[in-house]
N, C-alpha and C. Protein backbone atom coordinates (compact mmCIF):
# COMPACT_ATOMS: atom_id res chain seq x y z
N UNK A 1 -88.35 71.16 100.90
CA UNK A 1 -88.67 69.83 101.63
C UNK A 1 -89.44 70.62 103.02
N UNK A 2 -88.34 71.47 103.62
CA UNK A 2 -88.94 72.23 104.79
C UNK A 2 -87.95 72.18 106.02
N UNK A 3 -88.68 71.86 107.02
CA UNK A 3 -87.73 71.94 108.40
C UNK A 3 -87.96 70.36 108.90
N UNK A 4 -87.11 69.60 109.26
CA UNK A 4 -87.14 68.63 109.84
C UNK A 4 -86.57 68.30 111.58
N UNK A 5 -87.49 67.99 112.35
CA UNK A 5 -86.87 67.96 113.48
C UNK A 5 -85.98 66.58 114.08
N UNK A 6 -85.08 66.53 114.59
CA UNK A 6 -84.22 65.63 115.23
C UNK A 6 -83.87 65.47 116.49
N UNK A 7 -83.70 64.23 117.36
CA UNK A 7 -83.47 64.21 118.61
C UNK A 7 -81.97 64.90 118.91
N UNK A 8 -81.65 65.85 119.49
CA UNK A 8 -80.32 66.35 119.55
C UNK A 8 -79.14 65.56 120.18
N UNK A 9 -79.71 64.91 120.85
CA UNK A 9 -78.29 64.28 121.69
C UNK A 9 -78.47 62.81 121.04
N UNK A 10 -78.71 62.45 120.11
CA UNK A 10 -78.45 60.96 119.23
C UNK A 10 -78.12 61.36 118.24
N UNK A 11 -77.01 60.18 117.78
CA UNK A 11 -76.40 60.26 116.34
C UNK A 11 -75.06 60.35 116.62
N UNK A 12 -74.34 60.53 115.37
CA UNK A 12 -73.22 60.60 115.19
C UNK A 12 -72.70 61.59 115.97
N UNK A 13 -71.24 61.45 116.34
CA UNK A 13 -70.41 62.39 117.05
C UNK A 13 -69.88 63.05 115.98
N UNK A 14 -69.89 64.35 115.21
CA UNK A 14 -69.43 64.83 114.08
C UNK A 14 -68.79 65.55 114.82
N UNK A 15 -69.49 66.86 115.72
CA UNK A 15 -68.92 67.66 116.57
C UNK A 15 -69.05 67.68 118.08
N UNK A 16 -68.17 68.28 118.74
CA UNK A 16 -68.13 68.45 120.47
C UNK A 16 -69.65 69.38 120.40
N UNK A 17 -70.17 69.52 121.75
CA UNK A 17 -71.01 69.84 122.20
C UNK A 17 -70.45 71.39 123.23
N UNK A 18 -70.93 72.43 123.10
CA UNK A 18 -70.22 73.07 123.99
C UNK A 18 -71.01 74.51 123.95
N UNK A 19 -70.24 75.72 124.36
CA UNK A 19 -70.87 76.85 124.15
C UNK A 19 -70.85 77.36 122.79
N UNK A 20 -71.68 78.02 122.18
CA UNK A 20 -71.98 78.26 120.80
C UNK A 20 -71.50 79.66 120.59
N UNK A 21 -70.71 79.84 119.55
CA UNK A 21 -70.11 81.15 119.03
C UNK A 21 -69.94 80.99 117.58
N UNK A 22 -70.13 82.06 116.94
CA UNK A 22 -69.64 82.09 115.37
C UNK A 22 -69.02 81.34 114.82
N UNK A 23 -67.65 81.48 115.58
CA UNK A 23 -66.36 80.48 115.28
C UNK A 23 -66.71 79.07 115.44
N UNK A 24 -67.29 78.57 116.48
CA UNK A 24 -67.65 77.34 116.55
C UNK A 24 -68.82 76.86 115.73
N UNK A 25 -69.58 77.85 115.45
CA UNK A 25 -70.49 77.06 114.16
C UNK A 25 -69.99 77.05 112.79
N UNK A 26 -69.26 78.01 112.65
CA UNK A 26 -68.41 78.15 111.39
C UNK A 26 -67.45 76.74 111.07
N UNK A 27 -67.19 75.97 112.35
CA UNK A 27 -65.99 74.82 112.39
C UNK A 27 -67.14 73.83 112.38
N UNK A 28 -68.38 73.59 113.20
CA UNK A 28 -69.33 72.60 112.83
C UNK A 28 -69.79 72.69 111.42
N UNK A 29 -69.75 73.85 110.89
CA UNK A 29 -70.13 73.45 109.55
C UNK A 29 -69.46 72.79 108.58
N UNK A 30 -68.21 73.40 108.72
CA UNK A 30 -67.21 72.87 108.06
C UNK A 30 -66.97 71.23 108.49
N UNK A 31 -67.13 70.84 109.55
CA UNK A 31 -67.29 69.14 109.67
C UNK A 31 -68.40 68.79 109.29
N UNK A 32 -69.79 69.17 109.29
CA UNK A 32 -70.72 68.70 108.54
C UNK A 32 -70.46 68.55 106.95
N UNK A 33 -69.52 69.53 106.57
CA UNK A 33 -69.60 69.45 105.02
C UNK A 33 -68.51 68.46 104.71
N UNK A 34 -67.61 68.04 105.73
CA UNK A 34 -66.66 67.06 105.57
C UNK A 34 -67.17 65.97 105.46
N UNK A 35 -68.22 65.60 106.52
CA UNK A 35 -68.89 64.54 106.74
C UNK A 35 -69.92 63.97 105.52
N UNK A 36 -70.15 64.96 104.97
CA UNK A 36 -71.24 64.61 103.66
C UNK A 36 -70.31 64.30 102.30
N UNK A 37 -69.42 64.89 102.37
CA UNK A 37 -68.42 64.58 101.63
C UNK A 37 -67.79 62.89 101.83
N UNK A 38 -67.29 62.93 103.19
CA UNK A 38 -66.82 61.38 102.85
C UNK A 38 -68.04 60.38 102.66
N UNK A 39 -69.22 60.76 103.23
CA UNK A 39 -70.33 59.87 102.46
C UNK A 39 -70.14 59.70 101.10
N UNK A 40 -69.82 60.57 100.27
CA UNK A 40 -69.94 60.57 98.91
C UNK A 40 -71.20 60.90 98.42
N UNK A 41 -71.72 61.84 99.04
CA UNK A 41 -73.06 62.30 98.59
C UNK A 41 -72.63 63.40 97.41
N UNK A 42 -73.47 63.87 96.70
CA UNK A 42 -73.17 65.00 95.65
C UNK A 42 -74.08 66.16 95.95
N UNK A 43 -73.46 67.15 96.35
CA UNK A 43 -74.27 68.38 96.22
C UNK A 43 -73.81 69.62 95.50
N UNK A 44 -73.86 69.90 94.48
CA UNK A 44 -73.31 71.15 93.97
C UNK A 44 -73.72 72.60 94.83
N UNK A 45 -72.69 73.04 94.96
CA UNK A 45 -72.36 74.33 95.67
C UNK A 45 -73.55 74.36 97.28
N UNK A 46 -72.74 72.97 97.74
CA UNK A 46 -73.15 72.96 99.05
C UNK A 46 -72.86 74.09 100.11
N UNK A 47 -74.13 74.53 100.84
CA UNK A 47 -74.17 75.33 101.42
C UNK A 47 -74.53 75.04 103.05
N UNK A 48 -74.07 74.91 104.05
CA UNK A 48 -74.39 74.69 105.24
C UNK A 48 -74.06 75.97 106.43
N UNK A 49 -75.30 76.13 107.10
CA UNK A 49 -75.27 77.03 108.41
C UNK A 49 -75.65 76.74 109.54
N UNK A 50 -74.86 77.00 110.46
CA UNK A 50 -75.15 76.45 111.87
C UNK A 50 -75.67 77.46 112.76
N UNK A 51 -76.37 77.46 113.45
CA UNK A 51 -76.98 78.21 114.43
C UNK A 51 -77.35 77.44 115.76
N UNK A 52 -76.63 77.56 116.71
CA UNK A 52 -76.76 76.45 117.88
C UNK A 52 -76.98 74.85 117.52
N UNK A 53 -78.24 74.64 117.51
CA UNK A 53 -78.53 73.00 117.27
C UNK A 53 -79.63 73.35 116.02
N UNK A 54 -79.74 74.24 115.44
CA UNK A 54 -80.29 74.40 113.81
C UNK A 54 -79.41 74.47 112.90
N UNK A 55 -79.73 73.70 111.75
CA UNK A 55 -78.50 73.60 110.34
C UNK A 55 -79.93 73.81 109.39
N UNK A 56 -79.33 74.80 108.35
CA UNK A 56 -79.85 75.23 107.43
C UNK A 56 -78.87 74.71 106.09
N UNK A 57 -79.36 74.04 105.16
CA UNK A 57 -78.88 73.46 103.93
C UNK A 57 -79.13 74.01 102.71
N UNK A 58 -78.33 74.38 102.00
CA UNK A 58 -78.53 74.61 100.58
C UNK A 58 -77.54 74.07 99.43
N UNK A 59 -77.77 74.34 98.43
CA UNK A 59 -77.33 73.72 97.30
C UNK A 59 -78.19 72.56 96.33
N UNK A 60 -77.70 71.93 95.27
CA UNK A 60 -78.14 71.29 94.10
C UNK A 60 -77.58 69.69 94.12
N UNK A 61 -78.70 69.07 94.88
CA UNK A 61 -78.34 67.78 94.89
C UNK A 61 -78.83 66.84 93.61
N UNK A 62 -77.66 65.66 93.37
CA UNK A 62 -78.16 65.19 92.03
C UNK A 62 -79.23 64.46 91.68
N UNK A 63 -79.92 63.90 92.69
CA UNK A 63 -81.09 63.45 92.68
C UNK A 63 -82.00 63.37 93.84
N UNK A 64 -83.08 63.38 94.32
CA UNK A 64 -84.22 63.16 95.46
C UNK A 64 -83.34 62.35 96.68
N UNK A 65 -83.18 61.13 96.20
CA UNK A 65 -82.39 60.27 97.30
C UNK A 65 -81.10 60.88 98.03
N UNK A 66 -80.23 61.35 96.94
CA UNK A 66 -79.23 62.02 97.66
C UNK A 66 -79.77 63.33 98.46
N UNK A 67 -80.55 63.83 98.24
CA UNK A 67 -81.15 65.24 98.98
C UNK A 67 -81.64 64.58 100.33
N UNK A 68 -82.55 63.68 100.34
CA UNK A 68 -82.70 62.84 101.57
C UNK A 68 -81.69 62.46 102.64
N UNK A 69 -80.80 61.89 101.81
CA UNK A 69 -79.77 61.25 102.68
C UNK A 69 -78.93 62.33 103.19
N UNK A 70 -78.61 63.50 102.62
CA UNK A 70 -78.08 64.72 103.13
C UNK A 70 -78.64 65.16 104.58
N UNK A 71 -79.94 65.47 104.32
CA UNK A 71 -80.79 65.84 105.33
C UNK A 71 -80.74 64.77 106.44
N UNK A 72 -80.43 63.65 106.20
CA UNK A 72 -80.77 62.71 107.34
C UNK A 72 -79.25 62.54 107.97
N UNK A 73 -78.27 62.68 107.05
CA UNK A 73 -76.90 62.45 107.49
C UNK A 73 -76.73 63.74 108.64
N UNK A 74 -77.23 64.82 108.38
CA UNK A 74 -76.82 66.08 109.07
C UNK A 74 -77.59 66.08 110.23
N UNK A 75 -78.84 65.60 110.21
CA UNK A 75 -79.97 65.65 111.17
C UNK A 75 -79.89 64.33 112.30
N UNK A 76 -79.02 63.34 111.59
CA UNK A 76 -78.86 62.15 112.38
C UNK A 76 -77.27 62.65 113.23
N UNK A 77 -76.83 63.55 113.50
CA UNK A 77 -75.69 64.06 113.82
C UNK A 77 -75.92 64.36 115.40
N UNK A 78 -75.03 64.02 116.55
CA UNK A 78 -75.35 64.33 117.56
C UNK A 78 -75.22 65.89 117.63
N UNK A 79 -76.38 66.48 118.49
CA UNK A 79 -75.94 68.34 118.35
C UNK A 79 -77.08 68.68 117.75
N UNK A 80 -77.58 68.35 116.58
CA UNK A 80 -78.50 68.76 115.65
C UNK A 80 -79.78 68.54 116.20
N UNK A 81 -80.65 69.55 116.32
CA UNK A 81 -81.99 69.43 116.91
C UNK A 81 -82.96 69.73 115.44
N UNK A 82 -82.32 70.45 114.43
CA UNK A 82 -83.35 70.47 113.21
C UNK A 82 -82.60 71.30 111.97
N UNK A 83 -83.05 70.45 111.01
CA UNK A 83 -82.60 70.65 109.71
C UNK A 83 -83.62 71.42 108.69
N UNK A 84 -83.30 72.67 108.22
CA UNK A 84 -83.80 73.69 107.36
C UNK A 84 -83.54 73.09 105.87
N UNK A 85 -84.16 72.41 104.87
CA UNK A 85 -83.73 71.69 103.66
C UNK A 85 -83.84 72.81 102.79
N UNK A 86 -83.49 73.56 102.36
CA UNK A 86 -83.58 74.46 101.34
C UNK A 86 -82.81 74.05 99.84
N UNK A 87 -82.53 72.74 99.99
CA UNK A 87 -81.60 72.07 98.59
C UNK A 87 -82.58 72.13 97.97
N UNK A 88 -82.32 72.05 96.26
CA UNK A 88 -83.16 71.87 95.21
C UNK A 88 -82.37 70.66 94.59
N UNK A 89 -83.18 69.86 93.29
CA UNK A 89 -82.99 68.62 92.82
C UNK A 89 -82.44 68.90 91.43
N UNK A 90 -81.23 68.35 90.92
CA UNK A 90 -80.56 68.71 89.81
C UNK A 90 -81.79 68.06 88.57
N UNK A 91 -82.14 66.84 88.71
CA UNK A 91 -83.17 66.41 87.77
C UNK A 91 -84.15 66.00 88.43
N UNK A 92 -85.34 67.25 87.77
CA UNK A 92 -86.69 66.87 88.54
C UNK A 92 -87.22 65.63 88.08
N UNK A 93 -87.66 64.98 89.23
CA UNK A 93 -88.41 63.71 88.87
C UNK A 93 -89.56 63.66 89.18
N UNK A 94 -90.31 63.41 88.24
CA UNK A 94 -92.24 63.39 88.68
C UNK A 94 -92.43 62.27 89.44
N UNK A 95 -92.38 62.57 90.56
CA UNK A 95 -92.70 61.06 91.47
C UNK A 95 -94.16 61.60 92.30
N UNK A 96 -94.78 60.36 92.31
CA UNK A 96 -96.17 60.24 92.67
C UNK A 96 -95.92 59.85 94.16
N UNK A 97 -97.18 60.38 95.05
CA UNK A 97 -96.81 60.14 96.30
C UNK A 97 -96.77 58.75 96.99
N UNK A 98 -97.06 57.90 96.19
CA UNK A 98 -96.79 56.55 96.44
C UNK A 98 -95.46 56.02 96.04
N UNK A 99 -94.63 56.94 95.51
CA UNK A 99 -93.34 56.57 95.01
C UNK A 99 -92.29 57.20 95.92
N UNK A 100 -92.71 57.94 96.82
CA UNK A 100 -91.71 58.60 97.82
C UNK A 100 -91.52 57.82 98.94
N UNK A 101 -90.29 58.41 99.23
CA UNK A 101 -89.82 57.48 100.87
C UNK A 101 -90.44 58.15 101.69
N UNK A 102 -90.71 57.38 102.89
CA UNK A 102 -91.01 57.89 104.07
C UNK A 102 -89.75 57.93 105.08
N UNK A 103 -90.25 58.51 106.06
CA UNK A 103 -89.05 58.52 107.52
C UNK A 103 -89.61 57.83 108.46
N UNK A 104 -88.88 57.09 108.78
CA UNK A 104 -88.86 56.69 110.33
C UNK A 104 -88.33 56.64 111.38
N UNK A 105 -88.58 57.08 112.60
CA UNK A 105 -87.40 57.37 113.50
C UNK A 105 -87.49 55.93 114.46
N UNK A 106 -86.24 55.64 114.59
CA UNK A 106 -86.19 54.36 115.39
C UNK A 106 -86.38 54.58 116.87
N UNK A 107 -86.87 53.44 117.30
CA UNK A 107 -87.47 53.40 119.07
C UNK A 107 -86.72 52.11 119.59
N UNK A 108 -86.36 52.11 120.74
CA UNK A 108 -85.54 51.07 121.39
C UNK A 108 -86.38 49.52 120.91
N UNK A 109 -85.75 48.71 120.79
CA UNK A 109 -85.94 47.60 120.22
C UNK A 109 -86.25 47.36 119.00
N UNK A 110 -86.12 48.16 117.94
CA UNK A 110 -86.28 48.24 116.46
C UNK A 110 -85.65 47.47 116.06
N UNK A 111 -85.43 46.77 114.86
CA UNK A 111 -84.49 46.06 113.72
C UNK A 111 -84.89 46.40 112.66
N UNK A 112 -84.07 46.41 111.49
CA UNK A 112 -84.23 46.75 110.15
C UNK A 112 -85.35 45.54 109.97
N UNK A 113 -85.34 44.33 110.28
CA UNK A 113 -86.32 43.49 109.91
C UNK A 113 -87.63 43.83 110.59
N UNK A 114 -87.43 44.18 111.85
CA UNK A 114 -89.16 44.87 112.55
C UNK A 114 -89.45 45.98 111.73
N UNK A 115 -88.84 46.92 111.36
CA UNK A 115 -89.32 48.03 110.22
C UNK A 115 -89.79 47.39 108.95
N UNK A 116 -89.05 46.77 108.64
CA UNK A 116 -89.39 46.00 107.03
C UNK A 116 -91.12 45.54 107.26
N UNK A 117 -91.02 44.40 108.14
CA UNK A 117 -92.44 44.06 108.51
C UNK A 117 -93.47 44.85 108.69
N UNK A 118 -93.10 46.20 109.44
CA UNK A 118 -94.13 47.24 109.46
C UNK A 118 -94.61 48.04 108.25
N UNK A 119 -93.58 48.32 107.73
CA UNK A 119 -93.77 49.03 106.16
C UNK A 119 -94.21 48.21 104.96
N UNK A 120 -93.49 47.03 104.86
CA UNK A 120 -93.76 46.04 103.87
C UNK A 120 -94.60 44.80 103.82
N UNK A 121 -94.53 44.43 105.18
CA UNK A 121 -95.02 43.45 105.60
C UNK A 121 -94.49 42.02 105.70
N UNK A 122 -93.00 42.30 105.23
CA UNK A 122 -92.21 41.20 105.05
C UNK A 122 -90.90 41.67 105.90
N UNK A 123 -90.45 40.99 107.02
CA UNK A 123 -89.26 41.28 107.54
C UNK A 123 -87.89 41.29 106.65
N UNK A 124 -88.15 40.34 105.81
CA UNK A 124 -86.73 39.74 104.93
C UNK A 124 -86.81 40.82 103.67
N UNK A 125 -87.47 42.15 103.90
CA UNK A 125 -87.18 42.95 102.91
C UNK A 125 -86.24 44.05 103.38
N UNK A 126 -85.50 43.81 104.72
CA UNK A 126 -84.71 44.80 105.44
C UNK A 126 -83.48 45.32 104.61
N UNK A 127 -83.22 44.51 103.51
CA UNK A 127 -82.16 45.05 102.83
C UNK A 127 -82.49 46.32 102.02
N UNK A 128 -83.73 46.63 101.42
CA UNK A 128 -84.28 47.46 100.55
C UNK A 128 -83.72 48.74 101.77
N UNK A 129 -84.28 48.58 102.86
CA UNK A 129 -84.19 49.89 103.84
C UNK A 129 -82.77 50.27 104.07
N UNK A 130 -81.86 49.23 104.24
CA UNK A 130 -80.40 49.26 104.44
C UNK A 130 -79.96 49.83 103.56
N UNK A 131 -80.52 49.19 102.32
CA UNK A 131 -79.46 50.12 101.11
C UNK A 131 -79.93 51.36 100.60
N UNK A 132 -81.09 51.83 100.98
CA UNK A 132 -81.91 52.99 100.99
C UNK A 132 -81.02 54.34 101.85
N UNK A 133 -80.18 53.51 102.96
CA UNK A 133 -79.72 54.49 104.18
C UNK A 133 -78.47 54.62 103.83
N UNK A 134 -77.63 53.86 102.97
CA UNK A 134 -76.34 53.66 102.78
C UNK A 134 -75.79 54.97 101.97
N UNK A 135 -74.86 55.65 102.36
CA UNK A 135 -73.47 55.10 102.89
C UNK A 135 -73.76 55.39 104.64
N UNK A 136 -74.72 56.11 105.10
CA UNK A 136 -75.08 56.21 106.68
C UNK A 136 -75.19 55.21 107.33
N UNK A 137 -75.75 53.89 107.00
CA UNK A 137 -75.62 53.05 107.65
C UNK A 137 -74.57 52.02 107.43
N UNK A 138 -73.65 51.67 108.22
CA UNK A 138 -72.35 50.56 107.66
C UNK A 138 -72.72 49.13 107.71
N UNK A 139 -73.65 49.08 108.55
CA UNK A 139 -74.20 47.58 109.05
C UNK A 139 -75.80 47.54 109.45
N UNK A 140 -76.60 46.72 108.70
CA UNK A 140 -77.91 46.37 109.24
C UNK A 140 -78.21 46.38 110.90
N UNK A 141 -77.17 46.01 111.37
CA UNK A 141 -77.69 46.04 112.80
C UNK A 141 -77.08 47.18 113.61
N UNK A 142 -76.71 48.19 113.07
CA UNK A 142 -76.03 49.33 113.77
C UNK A 142 -76.96 50.55 113.42
N UNK A 143 -78.12 50.52 113.94
CA UNK A 143 -79.18 51.74 114.20
C UNK A 143 -79.42 51.92 115.74
N UNK A 144 -79.98 52.91 115.91
CA UNK A 144 -80.14 53.54 117.04
C UNK A 144 -81.41 54.13 117.46
N UNK A 145 -81.68 54.15 118.89
CA UNK A 145 -82.92 54.97 118.93
C UNK A 145 -82.87 56.41 118.82
N UNK A 146 -83.87 57.00 118.22
CA UNK A 146 -83.49 58.53 117.94
C UNK A 146 -83.40 58.76 116.47
N UNK A 147 -82.47 57.77 115.57
CA UNK A 147 -81.91 57.82 114.32
C UNK A 147 -83.21 57.94 113.44
N UNK A 148 -83.04 58.50 112.43
CA UNK A 148 -84.34 58.62 111.33
C UNK A 148 -83.77 58.06 109.97
N UNK A 149 -84.33 57.16 109.52
CA UNK A 149 -84.41 56.22 108.23
C UNK A 149 -85.05 56.97 107.22
N UNK A 150 -84.64 56.59 105.99
CA UNK A 150 -85.39 56.97 104.74
C UNK A 150 -86.16 55.33 104.49
N UNK A 151 -87.37 55.14 104.48
CA UNK A 151 -88.11 53.84 103.99
C UNK A 151 -88.79 54.04 102.56
N UNK A 152 -88.00 53.59 101.70
CA UNK A 152 -88.43 53.99 100.23
C UNK A 152 -89.51 52.87 99.89
N UNK A 153 -90.22 53.31 98.81
CA UNK A 153 -91.57 52.01 98.48
C UNK A 153 -90.73 50.99 97.83
N UNK A 154 -91.29 50.08 98.02
CA UNK A 154 -91.06 48.73 97.32
C UNK A 154 -91.23 48.83 95.74
N UNK A 155 -90.16 48.38 94.69
CA UNK A 155 -90.41 48.33 93.75
C UNK A 155 -90.80 47.11 93.24
N UNK A 156 -91.76 47.15 92.21
CA UNK A 156 -92.31 45.59 91.90
C UNK A 156 -91.22 45.08 90.77
């Protein structure tokens, strides 16, 4: 999928920010792995390498949605500025471009309803976005500026 950029100082506080050493990077990697596991995201042979504010991910996700969620969960972590996604997907899905999820960076004043209105033309479709971002989102009102969300296509 490539390298994704995130706002370094926005996001979940999974690990503290301080002087970076190999030992601290290993600890951050362990904490990120634990966060992904706690979210219930399935990735076989998950590898996480942290170098300062950059994270590289390896492993085999069960499906494309899980792969995207892992990238977003890591990228939406305070202290992470970029994620280099080198994960693969277990079951290759044939997806046309119109069926792929888009990414949206939340700005001040955004709500899931407002985002839904922008992408789908209907604010009441916000549960689609909420469901696509679970388990990272625990409530539709708990989004913050700088957070990156998956916006899946509407299924007829």
